[in-house]
């Protein structure tokens, strides 16, 4: 089944393009949602005008998305969650949480499905990709803090006497001397 796309479809192509799709996909998804029309000869004559309008609209949207991507790149979000000693969260920070906080901070309406990646399940700084369109992406910095707001300092064991370690190492090899054949 040949269809002419009326709108950009993420998994298929851009508005004004003609594609051969499976009949079920065309009849049950593209046509009812107004994303495409059947590619009849009369529609094909109007396809060039459609393509030109879609191209102009895509250029406008790209400029808007690039400006929004710059704002998202400059944004840093912080979340506080309960966590264990090892830095694992008892819950998670979902892409829905991130999208809601981002929309509130920027005053936008970006769909949560545009925030790519898994739910965050550990403390620390994470970078998530926000796909605004097929060709415009932004990187969002998300910091997950434990409840109370400060990251715990990593536990570092300090050994004062290095000679003790060397003596223990030599003692381990002394045991092998008993096995001379």
C-alpha atoms as a PDB file:
ATOM      1  CA  UNK A   1       0.000   0.000   0.000  1.00  0.00           C
ATOM      2  CA  UNK A   2       1.486   3.352  -1.039  1.00  0.00           C
ATOM      3  CA  UNK A   3       0.917   6.308   1.266  1.00  0.00           C
ATOM      4  CA  UNK A   4       1.905   9.967   1.287  1.00  0.00           C
ATOM      5  CA  UNK A   5       2.836  11.198   4.761  1.00  0.00           C
ATOM      6  CA  UNK A   6       0.948  14.286   5.912  1.00  0.00           C
ATOM      7  CA  UNK A   7       3.043  14.629   9.084  1.00  0.00           C
ATOM      8  CA  UNK A   8       6.486  13.503  10.180  1.00  0.00           C
ATOM      9  CA  UNK A   9       6.406   9.951  11.554  1.00  0.00           C
ATOM     10  CA  UNK A  10       9.392   9.070  13.766  1.00  0.00           C
ATOM     11  CA  UNK A  11       9.715   5.462  12.671  1.00  0.00           C
ATOM     12  CA  UNK A  12       8.951   6.075   8.987  1.00  0.00           C
ATOM     13  CA  UNK A  13       9.877   9.422   7.462  1.00  0.00           C
ATOM     14  CA  UNK A  14       9.065  13.063   6.831  1.00  0.00           C
ATOM     15  CA  UNK A  15       5.867  14.746   5.674  1.00  0.00           C
ATOM     16  CA  UNK A  16       5.504  14.803   1.890  1.00  0.00           C
ATOM     17  CA  UNK A  17       7.416  11.552   1.367  1.00  0.00           C
ATOM     18  CA  UNK A  18       5.800   8.566  -0.354  1.00  0.00           C
ATOM     19  CA  UNK A  19       6.290   5.125   1.201  1.00  0.00           C
ATOM     20  CA  UNK A  20       5.219   1.572   0.567  1.00  0.00           C
ATOM     21  CA  UNK A  21       3.872   0.280   3.897  1.00  0.00           C
ATOM     22  CA  UNK A  22       2.141  -2.866   5.067  1.00  0.00           C
ATOM     23  CA  UNK A  23      -1.618  -2.662   4.461  1.00  0.00           C
ATOM     24  CA  UNK A  24      -2.457  -3.156   8.145  1.00  0.00           C
ATOM     25  CA  UNK A  25      -0.042  -0.443   9.269  1.00  0.00           C
ATOM     26  CA  UNK A  26      -1.497   1.970   6.730  1.00  0.00           C
ATOM     27  CA  UNK A  27      -5.180   1.188   7.343  1.00  0.00           C
ATOM     28  CA  UNK A  28      -5.052   0.752  11.116  1.00  0.00           C
ATOM     29  CA  UNK A  29      -2.469   3.319  12.178  1.00  0.00           C
ATOM     30  CA  UNK A  30      -1.417   5.926   9.610  1.00  0.00           C
ATOM     31  CA  UNK A  31      -4.739   6.710   7.915  1.00  0.00           C
ATOM     32  CA  UNK A  32      -7.016   6.869  11.016  1.00  0.00           C
ATOM     33  CA  UNK A  33      -4.589   9.152  12.873  1.00  0.00           C
ATOM     34  CA  UNK A  34      -4.322  11.530   9.915  1.00  0.00           C
ATOM     35  CA  UNK A  35      -0.603  10.884   9.513  1.00  0.00           C
ATOM     36  CA  UNK A  36      -0.901   9.807   5.868  1.00  0.00           C
ATOM     37  CA  UNK A  37      -3.236   9.591   2.864  1.00  0.00           C
ATOM     38  CA  UNK A  38      -3.442   6.974   0.130  1.00  0.00           C
ATOM     39  CA  UNK A  39      -0.998   7.780  -2.681  1.00  0.00           C
ATOM     40  CA  UNK A  40      -3.493   8.096  -5.535  1.00  0.00           C
ATOM     41  CA  UNK A  41      -2.543   9.825  -8.832  1.00  0.00           C
ATOM     42  CA  UNK A  42      -4.390  13.026  -7.851  1.00  0.00           C
ATOM     43  CA  UNK A  43      -2.639  13.108  -4.468  1.00  0.00           C
ATOM     44  CA  UNK A  44       0.721  12.498  -6.144  1.00  0.00           C
ATOM     45  CA  UNK A  45       0.216  15.664  -8.239  1.00  0.00           C
ATOM     46  CA  UNK A  46      -0.211  17.674  -5.035  1.00  0.00           C
ATOM     47  CA  UNK A  47       2.724  15.907  -3.335  1.00  0.00           C
ATOM     48  CA  UNK A  48       5.300  18.510  -4.398  1.00  0.00           C
ATOM     49  CA  UNK A  49       3.335  21.354  -2.819  1.00  0.00           C
ATOM     50  CA  UNK A  50       2.857  19.219   0.287  1.00  0.00           C
ATOM     51  CA  UNK A  51       6.584  18.476   0.420  1.00  0.00           C
ATOM     52  CA  UNK A  52       7.474  22.178   0.108  1.00  0.00           C
ATOM     53  CA  UNK A  53       5.102  23.184   2.925  1.00  0.00           C
ATOM     54  CA  UNK A  54       6.375  20.364   5.122  1.00  0.00           C
ATOM     55  CA  UNK A  55       9.993  21.306   4.419  1.00  0.00           C
ATOM     56  CA  UNK A  56       9.362  24.933   5.395  1.00  0.00           C
ATOM     57  CA  UNK A  57       7.540  23.845   8.556  1.00  0.00           C
ATOM     58  CA  UNK A  58      10.350  21.409   9.404  1.00  0.00           C
ATOM     59  CA  UNK A  59      12.913  24.239   9.103  1.00  0.00           C
ATOM     60  CA  UNK A  60      10.877  26.399  11.507  1.00  0.00           C
ATOM     61  CA  UNK A  61      10.524  23.538  13.978  1.00  0.00           C
ATOM     62  CA  UNK A  62      14.214  22.707  13.743  1.00  0.00           C
ATOM     63  CA  UNK A  63      15.126  26.276  14.718  1.00  0.00           C
ATOM     64  CA  UNK A  64      12.711  26.110  17.670  1.00  0.00           C
ATOM     65  CA  UNK A  65      14.026  22.703  18.743  1.00  0.00           C
ATOM     66  CA  UNK A  66      17.658  23.843  18.539  1.00  0.00           C
ATOM     67  CA  UNK A  67      16.886  26.832  20.771  1.00  0.00           C
ATOM     68  CA  UNK A  68      15.094  24.517  23.200  1.00  0.00           C
ATOM     69  CA  UNK A  69      18.014  22.058  23.068  1.00  0.00           C
ATOM     70  CA  UNK A  70      20.392  24.828  24.166  1.00  0.00           C
ATOM     71  CA  UNK A  71      18.138  25.582  27.146  1.00  0.00           C
ATOM     72  CA  UNK A  72      17.981  21.880  28.050  1.00  0.00           C
ATOM     73  CA  UNK A  73      21.779  21.503  27.746  1.00  0.00           C
ATOM     74  CA  UNK A  74      22.203  24.367  30.243  1.00  0.00           C
ATOM     75  CA  UNK A  75      19.663  22.856  32.663  1.00  0.00           C
ATOM     76  CA  UNK A  76      20.657  20.690  35.619  1.00  0.00           C
ATOM     77  CA  UNK A  77      18.005  18.898  37.679  1.00  0.00           C
ATOM     78  CA  UNK A  78      18.378  17.543  41.218  1.00  0.00           C
ATOM     79  CA  UNK A  79      16.287  14.855  42.876  1.00  0.00           C
ATOM     80  CA  UNK A  80      16.438  13.604  46.466  1.00  0.00           C
ATOM     81  CA  UNK A  81      15.625   9.950  47.087  1.00  0.00           C
ATOM     82  CA  UNK A  82      16.066   7.408  49.878  1.00  0.00           C
ATOM     83  CA  UNK A  83      19.135   5.296  49.340  1.00  0.00           C
ATOM     84  CA  UNK A  84      21.156   2.545  50.936  1.00  0.00           C
ATOM     85  CA  UNK A  85      24.770   2.572  52.095  1.00  0.00           C
ATOM     86  CA  UNK A  86      26.046   1.512  48.664  1.00  0.00           C
ATOM     87  CA  UNK A  87      24.340   4.339  46.796  1.00  0.00           C
ATOM     88  CA  UNK A  88      21.482   2.242  45.392  1.00  0.00           C
ATOM     89  CA  UNK A  89      18.100   3.940  45.532  1.00  0.00           C
ATOM     90  CA  UNK A  90      15.185   2.248  47.259  1.00  0.00           C
ATOM     91  CA  UNK A  91      12.985   3.534  44.449  1.00  0.00           C
ATOM     92  CA  UNK A  92      14.027   5.193  41.225  1.00  0.00           C
ATOM     93  CA  UNK A  93      13.911   8.457  39.332  1.00  0.00           C
ATOM     94  CA  UNK A  94      11.787   7.709  36.274  1.00  0.00           C
ATOM     95  CA  UNK A  95      11.795   9.456  32.926  1.00  0.00           C
ATOM     96  CA  UNK A  96       8.331  10.716  33.882  1.00  0.00           C
ATOM     97  CA  UNK A  97       9.811  12.434  36.981  1.00  0.00           C
ATOM     98  CA  UNK A  98      12.566  13.950  34.842  1.00  0.00           C
ATOM     99  CA  UNK A  99      10.133  15.155  32.151  1.00  0.00           C
ATOM    100  CA  UNK A 100       7.817  16.725  34.744  1.00  0.00           C
ATOM    101  CA  UNK A 101      10.688  18.567  36.468  1.00  0.00           C
ATOM    102  CA  UNK A 102      12.130  19.678  33.119  1.00  0.00           C
ATOM    103  CA  UNK A 103       8.754  20.964  31.901  1.00  0.00           C
ATOM    104  CA  UNK A 104       8.242  22.842  35.162  1.00  0.00           C
ATOM    105  CA  UNK A 105      11.719  24.405  35.024  1.00  0.00           C
ATOM    106  CA  UNK A 106      11.494  25.405  31.350  1.00  0.00           C
ATOM    107  CA  UNK A 107       7.761  26.062  31.053  1.00  0.00           C
ATOM    108  CA  UNK A 108       7.423  23.581  28.189  1.00  0.00           C
ATOM    109  CA  UNK A 109       5.291  20.561  27.345  1.00  0.00           C
ATOM    110  CA  UNK A 110       7.816  17.892  26.340  1.00  0.00           C
ATOM    111  CA  UNK A 111       6.444  14.354  26.306  1.00  0.00           C
ATOM    112  CA  UNK A 112       8.100  11.909  28.724  1.00  0.00           C
ATOM    113  CA  UNK A 113       8.777   9.508  25.845  1.00  0.00           C
ATOM    114  CA  UNK A 114      11.224  12.065  24.433  1.00  0.00           C
ATOM    115  CA  UNK A 115      13.472  11.522  27.485  1.00  0.00           C
ATOM    116  CA  UNK A 116      15.540   8.486  26.518  1.00  0.00           C
ATOM    117  CA  UNK A 117      17.127   6.039  28.907  1.00  0.00           C
ATOM    118  CA  UNK A 118      16.285   3.827  31.821  1.00  0.00           C
ATOM    119  CA  UNK A 119      15.053   4.866  35.239  1.00  0.00           C
ATOM    120  CA  UNK A 120      17.884   6.091  37.451  1.00  0.00           C
ATOM    121  CA  UNK A 121      18.526   3.710  40.344  1.00  0.00           C
ATOM    122  CA  UNK A 122      21.765   5.022  41.838  1.00  0.00           C
ATOM    123  CA  UNK A 123      23.080   8.187  43.436  1.00  0.00           C
ATOM    124  CA  UNK A 124      25.264  10.542  41.467  1.00  0.00           C
ATOM    125  CA  UNK A 125      25.267  12.576  38.296  1.00  0.00           C
ATOM    126  CA  UNK A 126      23.640  11.121  35.197  1.00  0.00           C
ATOM    127  CA  UNK A 127      23.277  12.437  31.648  1.00  0.00           C
ATOM    128  CA  UNK A 128      20.042  11.699  29.798  1.00  0.00           C
ATOM    129  CA  UNK A 129      19.339  12.306  26.131  1.00  0.00           C
ATOM    130  CA  UNK A 130      16.205  14.254  25.197  1.00  0.00           C
ATOM    131  CA  UNK A 131      15.251  13.629  21.559  1.00  0.00           C
ATOM    132  CA  UNK A 132      13.250  16.639  20.415  1.00  0.00           C
ATOM    133  CA  UNK A 133      13.006  15.494  16.787  1.00  0.00           C
ATOM    134  CA  UNK A 134      14.661  12.992  14.474  1.00  0.00           C
ATOM    135  CA  UNK A 135      17.717  15.204  14.094  1.00  0.00           C
ATOM    136  CA  UNK A 136      17.806  17.376  17.255  1.00  0.00           C
ATOM    137  CA  UNK A 137      18.891  15.959  20.608  1.00  0.00           C
ATOM    138  CA  UNK A 138      19.865  17.573  23.907  1.00  0.00           C
ATOM    139  CA  UNK A 139      21.797  16.293  26.920  1.00  0.00           C
ATOM    140  CA  UNK A 140      20.174  16.829  30.307  1.00  0.00           C
ATOM    141  CA  UNK A 141      22.217  16.566  33.515  1.00  0.00           C
ATOM    142  CA  UNK A 142      20.358  14.901  36.387  1.00  0.00           C
ATOM    143  CA  UNK A 143      21.862  14.641  39.868  1.00  0.00           C
ATOM    144  CA  UNK A 144      20.364  12.157  42.317  1.00  0.00           C
ATOM    145  CA  UNK A 145      21.116  12.989  45.951  1.00  0.00           C
ATOM    146  CA  UNK A 146      20.293  11.033  49.105  1.00  0.00           C
ATOM    147  CA  UNK A 147      17.594  12.447  51.355  1.00  0.00           C
ATOM    148  CA  UNK A 148      19.188  15.301  53.253  1.00  0.00           C
ATOM    149  CA  UNK A 149      20.779  16.679  50.122  1.00  0.00           C
ATOM    150  CA  UNK A 150      24.484  15.892  50.391  1.00  0.00           C
ATOM    151  CA  UNK A 151      26.418  13.108  48.781  1.00  0.00           C
ATOM    152  CA  UNK A 152      28.212  10.933  51.342  1.00  0.00           C
ATOM    153  CA  UNK A 153      31.989  11.057  51.142  1.00  0.00           C
ATOM    154  CA  UNK A 154      33.460   7.829  49.831  1.00  0.00           C
ATOM    155  CA  UNK A 155      35.013   5.682  52.546  1.00  0.00           C
ATOM    156  CA  UNK A 156      38.754   5.407  52.003  1.00  0.00           C
ATOM    157  CA  UNK A 157      40.866   3.191  54.235  1.00  0.00           C
ATOM    158  CA  UNK A 158      44.247   4.731  54.970  1.00  0.00           C
ATOM    159  CA  UNK A 159      47.176   2.453  55.847  1.00  0.00           C
ATOM    160  CA  UNK A 160      49.938   4.303  57.688  1.00  0.00           C
ATOM    161  CA  UNK A 161      52.669   1.669  57.796  1.00  0.00           C
ATOM    162  CA  UNK A 162      53.685   0.279  54.413  1.00  0.00           C
ATOM    163  CA  UNK A 163      56.340  -2.000  55.933  1.00  0.00           C
ATOM    164  CA  UNK A 164      53.675  -4.177  57.568  1.00  0.00           C
ATOM    165  CA  UNK A 165      52.165  -4.947  54.166  1.00  0.00           C
ATOM    166  CA  UNK A 166      55.550  -5.964  52.758  1.00  0.00           C
ATOM    167  CA  UNK A 167      56.280  -8.217  55.760  1.00  0.00           C
ATOM    168  CA  UNK A 168      52.916  -9.961  55.366  1.00  0.00           C
ATOM    169  CA  UNK A 169      53.640 -10.494  51.684  1.00  0.00           C
ATOM    170  CA  UNK A 170      57.026 -12.037  52.428  1.00  0.00           C
ATOM    171  CA  UNK A 171      55.525 -14.232  55.174  1.00  0.00           C
ATOM    172  CA  UNK A 172      53.069 -15.669  52.652  1.00  0.00           C
ATOM    173  CA  UNK A 173      55.938 -16.827  50.460  1.00  0.00           C
ATOM    174  CA  UNK A 174      57.876 -18.218  53.431  1.00  0.00           C
ATOM    175  CA  UNK A 175      55.138 -20.853  53.793  1.00  0.00           C
ATOM    176  CA  UNK A 176      56.002 -22.184  50.347  1.00  0.00           C
ATOM    177  CA  UNK A 177      59.618 -22.819  51.369  1.00  0.00           C
ATOM    178  CA  UNK A 178      58.407 -25.690  53.576  1.00  0.00           C
ATOM    179  CA  UNK A 179      57.350 -27.633  50.486  1.00  0.00           C
ATOM    180  CA  UNK A 180      60.794 -28.163  48.978  1.00  0.00           C
ATOM    181  CA  UNK A 181      61.038 -31.512  47.275  1.00  0.00           C
END
